[in-house]
């Protein structure tokens, strides 16, 4: 039984999480031989002010501004 934890910046839509869950489940069935109903996935949403990349908070990283702005629209 695969137990998969996915951490995402908050703001992904329900449709995006649904599509991701389907794709990962399909691959777990194909690659791991798991039964579809046994693939468990938990999404943990984190905010951009609690994660850092390269020592810079995502919320303060100018190179991620476009990515973060896209999340604000959801």
PDB file of N, CA and C in Angstrom:
ATOM      1  N   UNK A   1       0.845  -1.176   0.000  1.00  0.00           N
ATOM      2  CA  UNK A   1       0.000   0.000   0.000  1.00  0.00           C
ATOM      3  C   UNK A   1       0.890   1.239   0.000  1.00  0.00           C
ATOM      4  N   UNK A   2       1.010   1.923  -1.131  1.00  0.00           N
ATOM      5  CA  UNK A   2       1.782   3.160  -1.156  1.00  0.00           C
ATOM      6  C   UNK A   2       1.051   4.271  -0.403  1.00  0.00           C
ATOM      7  N   UNK A   3       1.771   4.926   0.485  1.00  0.00           N
ATOM      8  CA  UNK A   3       1.287   6.122   1.172  1.00  0.00           C
ATOM      9  C   UNK A   3       2.138   7.273   0.677  1.00  0.00           C
ATOM     10  N   UNK A   4       1.527   8.202  -0.014  1.00  0.00           N
ATOM     11  CA  UNK A   4       2.251   9.276  -0.678  1.00  0.00           C
ATOM     12  C   UNK A   4       1.848  10.603  -0.059  1.00  0.00           C
ATOM     13  N   UNK A   5       2.847  11.369   0.379  1.00  0.00           N
ATOM     14  CA  UNK A   5       2.614  12.694   0.924  1.00  0.00           C
ATOM     15  C   UNK A   5       3.136  13.717  -0.070  1.00  0.00           C
ATOM     16  N   UNK A   6       2.298  14.674  -0.417  1.00  0.00           N
ATOM     17  CA  UNK A   6       2.648  15.698  -1.394  1.00  0.00           C
ATOM     18  C   UNK A   6       2.554  17.057  -0.713  1.00  0.00           C
ATOM     19  N   UNK A   7       3.661  17.795  -0.706  1.00  0.00           N
ATOM     20  CA  UNK A   7       3.661  19.162  -0.180  1.00  0.00           C
ATOM     21  C   UNK A   7       3.621  20.123  -1.355  1.00  0.00           C
ATOM     22  N   UNK A   8       2.649  21.022  -1.328  1.00  0.00           N
ATOM     23  CA  UNK A   8       2.467  22.004  -2.392  1.00  0.00           C
ATOM     24  C   UNK A   8       2.288  23.384  -1.788  1.00  0.00           C
ATOM     25  N   UNK A   9       2.749  24.392  -2.510  1.00  0.00           N
ATOM     26  CA  UNK A   9       2.401  25.739  -2.093  1.00  0.00           C
ATOM     27  C   UNK A   9       0.889  25.886  -2.199  1.00  0.00           C
ATOM     28  N   UNK A  10       0.299  26.509  -1.226  1.00  0.00           N
ATOM     29  CA  UNK A  10      -1.149  26.704  -1.201  1.00  0.00           C
ATOM     30  C   UNK A  10      -1.591  27.458  -2.447  1.00  0.00           C
ATOM     31  N   UNK A  11      -2.761  27.109  -2.932  1.00  0.00           N
ATOM     32  CA  UNK A  11      -3.333  27.824  -4.058  1.00  0.00           C
ATOM     33  C   UNK A  11      -3.614  26.960  -5.265  1.00  0.00           C
ATOM     34  N   UNK A  12      -3.202  25.702  -5.241  1.00  0.00           N
ATOM     35  CA  UNK A  12      -3.524  24.814  -6.361  1.00  0.00           C
ATOM     36  C   UNK A  12      -5.021  24.550  -6.327  1.00  0.00           C
ATOM     37  N   UNK A  13      -5.607  24.461  -7.483  1.00  0.00           N
ATOM     38  CA  UNK A  13      -7.053  24.263  -7.558  1.00  0.00           C
ATOM     39  C   UNK A  13      -7.404  22.801  -7.268  1.00  0.00           C
ATOM     40  N   UNK A  14      -8.662  22.582  -6.981  1.00  0.00           N
ATOM     41  CA  UNK A  14      -9.169  21.232  -6.769  1.00  0.00           C
ATOM     42  C   UNK A  14      -8.921  20.390  -8.024  1.00  0.00           C
ATOM     43  N   UNK A  15      -9.141  20.983  -9.188  1.00  0.00           N
ATOM     44  CA  UNK A  15      -8.931  20.267 -10.442  1.00  0.00           C
ATOM     45  C   UNK A  15      -7.470  19.849 -10.604  1.00  0.00           C
ATOM     46  N   UNK A  16      -6.529  20.712 -10.216  1.00  0.00           N
ATOM     47  CA  UNK A  16      -5.105  20.377 -10.310  1.00  0.00           C
ATOM     48  C   UNK A  16      -4.749  19.239  -9.362  1.00  0.00           C
ATOM     49  N   UNK A  17      -5.239  19.309  -8.132  1.00  0.00           N
ATOM     50  CA  UNK A  17      -4.957  18.235  -7.166  1.00  0.00           C
ATOM     51  C   UNK A  17      -5.591  16.928  -7.621  1.00  0.00           C
ATOM     52  N   UNK A  18      -6.789  16.992  -8.169  1.00  0.00           N
ATOM     53  CA  UNK A  18      -7.475  15.800  -8.664  1.00  0.00           C
ATOM     54  C   UNK A  18      -6.684  15.164  -9.808  1.00  0.00           C
ATOM     55  N   UNK A  19      -6.227  15.974 -10.759  1.00  0.00           N
ATOM     56  CA  UNK A  19      -5.466  15.458 -11.906  1.00  0.00           C
ATOM     57  C   UNK A  19      -4.133  14.879 -11.455  1.00  0.00           C
ATOM     58  N   UNK A  20      -3.478  15.532 -10.505  1.00  0.00           N
ATOM     59  CA  UNK A  20      -2.203  15.035  -9.989  1.00  0.00           C
ATOM     60  C   UNK A  20      -2.408  13.697  -9.288  1.00  0.00           C
ATOM     61  N   UNK A  21      -3.442  13.612  -8.456  1.00  0.00           N
ATOM     62  CA  UNK A  21      -3.734  12.364  -7.740  1.00  0.00           C
ATOM     63  C   UNK A  21      -4.001  11.229  -8.716  1.00  0.00           C
ATOM     64  N   UNK A  22      -4.744  11.504  -9.770  1.00  0.00           N
ATOM     65  CA  UNK A  22      -5.041  10.473 -10.771  1.00  0.00           C
ATOM     66  C   UNK A  22      -3.759  10.015 -11.448  1.00  0.00           C
ATOM     67  N   UNK A  23      -2.904  10.958 -11.875  1.00  0.00           N
ATOM     68  CA  UNK A  23      -1.672  10.611 -12.582  1.00  0.00           C
ATOM     69  C   UNK A  23      -0.725   9.805 -11.694  1.00  0.00           C
ATOM     70  N   UNK A  24      -0.572  10.212 -10.446  1.00  0.00           N
ATOM     71  CA  UNK A  24       0.327   9.496  -9.536  1.00  0.00           C
ATOM     72  C   UNK A  24      -0.234   8.112  -9.228  1.00  0.00           C
ATOM     73  N   UNK A  25      -1.542   8.021  -9.013  1.00  0.00           N
ATOM     74  CA  UNK A  25      -2.163   6.725  -8.748  1.00  0.00           C
ATOM     75  C   UNK A  25      -1.978   5.787  -9.927  1.00  0.00           C
ATOM     76  N   UNK A  26      -2.237   6.283 -11.128  1.00  0.00           N
ATOM     77  CA  UNK A  26      -2.070   5.451 -12.316  1.00  0.00           C
ATOM     78  C   UNK A  26      -0.644   4.926 -12.421  1.00  0.00           C
ATOM     79  N   UNK A  27       0.331   5.766 -12.128  1.00  0.00           N
ATOM     80  CA  UNK A  27       1.725   5.341 -12.196  1.00  0.00           C
ATOM     81  C   UNK A  27       2.086   4.374 -11.081  1.00  0.00           C
ATOM     82  N   UNK A  28       1.527   4.566  -9.888  1.00  0.00           N
ATOM     83  CA  UNK A  28       1.795   3.630  -8.792  1.00  0.00           C
ATOM     84  C   UNK A  28       1.247   2.244  -9.125  1.00  0.00           C
ATOM     85  N   UNK A  29       0.087   2.214  -9.758  1.00  0.00           N
ATOM     86  CA  UNK A  29      -0.493   0.933 -10.171  1.00  0.00           C
ATOM     87  C   UNK A  29       0.404   0.273 -11.207  1.00  0.00           C
ATOM     88  N   UNK A  30       0.817   1.047 -12.199  1.00  0.00           N
ATOM     89  CA  UNK A  30       1.624   0.495 -13.290  1.00  0.00           C
ATOM     90  C   UNK A  30       3.034   0.099 -12.833  1.00  0.00           C
ATOM     91  N   UNK A  31       3.696   0.963 -12.110  1.00  0.00           N
ATOM     92  CA  UNK A  31       5.105   0.738 -11.767  1.00  0.00           C
ATOM     93  C   UNK A  31       5.276  -0.142 -10.536  1.00  0.00           C
ATOM     94  N   UNK A  32       4.439   0.087  -9.519  1.00  0.00           N
ATOM     95  CA  UNK A  32       4.592  -0.645  -8.260  1.00  0.00           C
ATOM     96  C   UNK A  32       3.712  -1.884  -8.178  1.00  0.00           C
ATOM     97  N   UNK A  33       2.762  -2.002  -9.092  1.00  0.00           N
ATOM     98  CA  UNK A  33       1.842  -3.126  -9.032  1.00  0.00           C
ATOM     99  C   UNK A  33       0.830  -2.995  -7.909  1.00  0.00           C
ATOM    100  N   UNK A  34       0.619  -1.754  -7.444  1.00  0.00           N
ATOM    101  CA  UNK A  34      -0.333  -1.516  -6.356  1.00  0.00           C
ATOM    102  C   UNK A  34      -1.762  -1.593  -6.892  1.00  0.00           C
ATOM    103  N   UNK A  35      -2.664  -1.941  -6.011  1.00  0.00           N
ATOM    104  CA  UNK A  35      -4.078  -1.857  -6.371  1.00  0.00           C
ATOM    105  C   UNK A  35      -4.486  -0.391  -6.276  1.00  0.00           C
ATOM    106  N   UNK A  36      -5.282   0.056  -7.230  1.00  0.00           N
ATOM    107  CA  UNK A  36      -5.693   1.463  -7.256  1.00  0.00           C
ATOM    108  C   UNK A  36      -6.259   1.923  -5.915  1.00  0.00           C
ATOM    109  N   UNK A  37      -7.132   1.108  -5.338  1.00  0.00           N
ATOM    110  CA  UNK A  37      -7.786   1.510  -4.086  1.00  0.00           C
ATOM    111  C   UNK A  37      -6.832   1.540  -2.891  1.00  0.00           C
ATOM    112  N   UNK A  38      -5.620   1.018  -3.061  1.00  0.00           N
ATOM    113  CA  UNK A  38      -4.655   1.013  -1.965  1.00  0.00           C
ATOM    114  C   UNK A  38      -3.655   2.171  -2.036  1.00  0.00           C
ATOM    115  N   UNK A  39      -3.722   2.969  -3.085  1.00  0.00           N
ATOM    116  CA  UNK A  39      -2.821   4.113  -3.208  1.00  0.00           C
ATOM    117  C   UNK A  39      -3.421   5.272  -2.418  1.00  0.00           C
ATOM    118  N   UNK A  40      -2.737   5.658  -1.347  1.00  0.00           N
ATOM    119  CA  UNK A  40      -3.225   6.720  -0.450  1.00  0.00           C
ATOM    120  C   UNK A  40      -2.353   7.941  -0.644  1.00  0.00           C
ATOM    121  N   UNK A  41      -2.983   9.102  -0.818  1.00  0.00           N
ATOM    122  CA  UNK A  41      -2.239  10.331  -1.030  1.00  0.00           C
ATOM    123  C   UNK A  41      -2.792  11.415  -0.111  1.00  0.00           C
ATOM    124  N   UNK A  42      -1.874  12.141   0.530  1.00  0.00           N
ATOM    125  CA  UNK A  42      -2.255  13.246   1.395  1.00  0.00           C
ATOM    126  C   UNK A  42      -1.579  14.502   0.859  1.00  0.00           C
ATOM    127  N   UNK A  43      -2.360  15.531   0.645  1.00  0.00           N
ATOM    128  CA  UNK A  43      -1.819  16.814   0.213  1.00  0.00           C
ATOM    129  C   UNK A  43      -1.655  17.710   1.428  1.00  0.00           C
ATOM    130  N   UNK A  44      -0.469  18.264   1.578  1.00  0.00           N
ATOM    131  CA  UNK A  44      -0.203  19.251   2.626  1.00  0.00           C
ATOM    132  C   UNK A  44       0.084  20.567   1.930  1.00  0.00           C
ATOM    133  N   UNK A  45      -0.751  21.548   2.186  1.00  0.00           N
ATOM    134  CA  UNK A  45      -0.533  22.854   1.583  1.00  0.00           C
ATOM    135  C   UNK A  45       0.293  23.715   2.532  1.00  0.00           C
ATOM    136  N   UNK A  46       1.311  24.327   1.966  1.00  0.00           N
ATOM    137  CA  UNK A  46       2.172  25.199   2.743  1.00  0.00           C
ATOM    138  C   UNK A  46       2.136  26.587   2.125  1.00  0.00           C
ATOM    139  N   UNK A  47       2.351  27.589   2.927  1.00  0.00           N
ATOM    140  CA  UNK A  47       2.348  28.950   2.409  1.00  0.00           C
ATOM    141  C   UNK A  47       3.774  29.356   2.050  1.00  0.00           C
ATOM    142  N   UNK A  48       3.880  30.330   1.169  1.00  0.00           N
ATOM    143  CA  UNK A  48       5.180  30.743   0.644  1.00  0.00           C
ATOM    144  C   UNK A  48       6.081  31.362   1.709  1.00  0.00           C
ATOM    145  N   UNK A  49       5.521  31.700   2.859  1.00  0.00           N
ATOM    146  CA  UNK A  49       6.351  32.294   3.909  1.00  0.00           C
ATOM    147  C   UNK A  49       6.909  31.253   4.879  1.00  0.00           C
ATOM    148  N   UNK A  50       6.632  29.979   4.639  1.00  0.00           N
ATOM    149  CA  UNK A  50       7.182  28.933   5.508  1.00  0.00           C
ATOM    150  C   UNK A  50       8.091  27.965   4.766  1.00  0.00           C
ATOM    151  N   UNK A  51       8.452  28.318   3.534  1.00  0.00           N
ATOM    152  CA  UNK A  51       9.372  27.492   2.763  1.00  0.00           C
ATOM    153  C   UNK A  51      10.424  28.402   2.132  1.00  0.00           C
ATOM    154  N   UNK A  52      11.654  27.925   2.134  1.00  0.00           N
ATOM    155  CA  UNK A  52      12.741  28.698   1.542  1.00  0.00           C
ATOM    156  C   UNK A  52      13.451  27.860   0.491  1.00  0.00           C
ATOM    157  N   UNK A  53      13.887  28.513  -0.542  1.00  0.00           N
ATOM    158  CA  UNK A  53      14.679  27.893  -1.599  1.00  0.00           C
ATOM    159  C   UNK A  53      15.991  28.668  -1.687  1.00  0.00           C
ATOM    160  N   UNK A  54      17.089  27.972  -1.532  1.00  0.00           N
ATOM    161  CA  UNK A  54      18.382  28.646  -1.613  1.00  0.00           C
ATOM    162  C   UNK A  54      18.574  29.712  -0.552  1.00  0.00           C
ATOM    163  N   UNK A  55      17.949  29.519   0.610  1.00  0.00           N
ATOM    164  CA  UNK A  55      18.114  30.467   1.705  1.00  0.00           C
ATOM    165  C   UNK A  55      17.190  31.675   1.637  1.00  0.00           C
ATOM    166  N   UNK A  56      16.287  31.692   0.670  1.00  0.00           N
ATOM    167  CA  UNK A  56      15.369  32.821   0.505  1.00  0.00           C
ATOM    168  C   UNK A  56      13.941  32.309   0.639  1.00  0.00           C
ATOM    169  N   UNK A  57      13.160  32.971   1.479  1.00  0.00           N
ATOM    170  CA  UNK A  57      11.752  32.590   1.595  1.00  0.00           C
ATOM    171  C   UNK A  57      11.088  32.712   0.231  1.00  0.00           C
ATOM    172  N   UNK A  58      10.266  31.742  -0.104  1.00  0.00           N
ATOM    173  CA  UNK A  58       9.579  31.766  -1.394  1.00  0.00           C
ATOM    174  C   UNK A  58       8.747  33.029  -1.548  1.00  0.00           C
ATOM    175  N   UNK A  59       8.199  33.516  -0.454  1.00  0.00           N
ATOM    176  CA  UNK A  59       7.383  34.730  -0.499  1.00  0.00           C
ATOM    177  C   UNK A  59       8.201  35.974  -0.798  1.00  0.00           C
ATOM    178  N   UNK A  60       9.527  35.896  -0.641  1.00  0.00           N
ATOM    179  CA  UNK A  60      10.398  37.055  -0.864  1.00  0.00           C
ATOM    180  C   UNK A  60      11.331  36.869  -2.057  1.00  0.00           C
ATOM    181  N   UNK A  61      11.142  35.801  -2.797  1.00  0.00           N
ATOM    182  CA  UNK A  61      12.010  35.473  -3.923  1.00  0.00           C
ATOM    183  C   UNK A  61      11.425  36.076  -5.198  1.00  0.00           C
ATOM    184  N   UNK A  62      12.071  37.099  -5.720  1.00  0.00           N
ATOM    185  CA  UNK A  62      11.574  37.804  -6.904  1.00  0.00           C
ATOM    186  C   UNK A  62      11.453  36.878  -8.106  1.00  0.00           C
ATOM    187  N   UNK A  63      12.300  35.857  -8.189  1.00  0.00           N
ATOM    188  CA  UNK A  63      12.244  34.950  -9.332  1.00  0.00           C
ATOM    189  C   UNK A  63      11.008  34.060  -9.305  1.00  0.00           C
ATOM    190  N   UNK A  64      10.321  33.986  -8.169  1.00  0.00           N
ATOM    191  CA  UNK A  64       9.123  33.159  -8.044  1.00  0.00           C
ATOM    192  C   UNK A  64       7.850  33.999  -8.064  1.00  0.00           C
ATOM    193  N   UNK A  65       7.973  35.295  -8.290  1.00  0.00           N
ATOM    194  CA  UNK A  65       6.816  36.193  -8.224  1.00  0.00           C
ATOM    195  C   UNK A  65       5.700  35.770  -9.169  1.00  0.00           C
ATOM    196  N   UNK A  66       6.041  35.379 -10.388  1.00  0.00           N
ATOM    197  CA  UNK A  66       5.022  34.961 -11.351  1.00  0.00           C
ATOM    198  C   UNK A  66       4.308  33.701 -10.919  1.00  0.00           C
ATOM    199  N   UNK A  67       5.041  32.767 -10.357  1.00  0.00           N
ATOM    200  CA  UNK A  67       4.456  31.510  -9.869  1.00  0.00           C
ATOM    201  C   UNK A  67       3.494  31.806  -8.732  1.00  0.00           C
ATOM    202  N   UNK A  68       3.930  32.605  -7.789  1.00  0.00           N
ATOM    203  CA  UNK A  68       3.084  32.916  -6.637  1.00  0.00           C
ATOM    204  C   UNK A  68       1.858  33.719  -7.046  1.00  0.00           C
ATOM    205  N   UNK A  69       2.011  34.624  -8.006  1.00  0.00           N
ATOM    206  CA  UNK A  69       0.868  35.414  -8.471  1.00  0.00           C
ATOM    207  C   UNK A  69      -0.199  34.518  -9.106  1.00  0.00           C
ATOM    208  N   UNK A  70       0.245  33.473  -9.802  1.00  0.00           N
ATOM    209  CA  UNK A  70      -0.700  32.543 -10.421  1.00  0.00           C
ATOM    210  C   UNK A  70      -1.526  31.827  -9.357  1.00  0.00           C
ATOM    211  N   UNK A  71      -0.912  31.512  -8.218  1.00  0.00           N
ATOM    212  CA  UNK A  71      -1.645  30.839  -7.142  1.00  0.00           C
ATOM    213  C   UNK A  71      -2.679  31.755  -6.517  1.00  0.00           C
ATOM    214  N   UNK A  72      -2.370  33.048  -6.452  1.00  0.00           N
ATOM    215  CA  UNK A  72      -3.289  34.003  -5.851  1.00  0.00           C
ATOM    216  C   UNK A  72      -4.611  34.086  -6.620  1.00  0.00           C
ATOM    217  N   UNK A  73      -4.611  33.679  -7.895  1.00  0.00           N
ATOM    218  CA  UNK A  73      -5.809  33.748  -8.722  1.00  0.00           C
ATOM    219  C   UNK A  73      -6.782  32.621  -8.452  1.00  0.00           C
ATOM    220  N   UNK A  74      -6.336  31.555  -7.766  1.00  0.00           N
ATOM    221  CA  UNK A  74      -7.197  30.378  -7.519  1.00  0.00           C
ATOM    222  C   UNK A  74      -7.985  30.537  -6.268  1.00  0.00           C
TER     223      UNK A  74
END
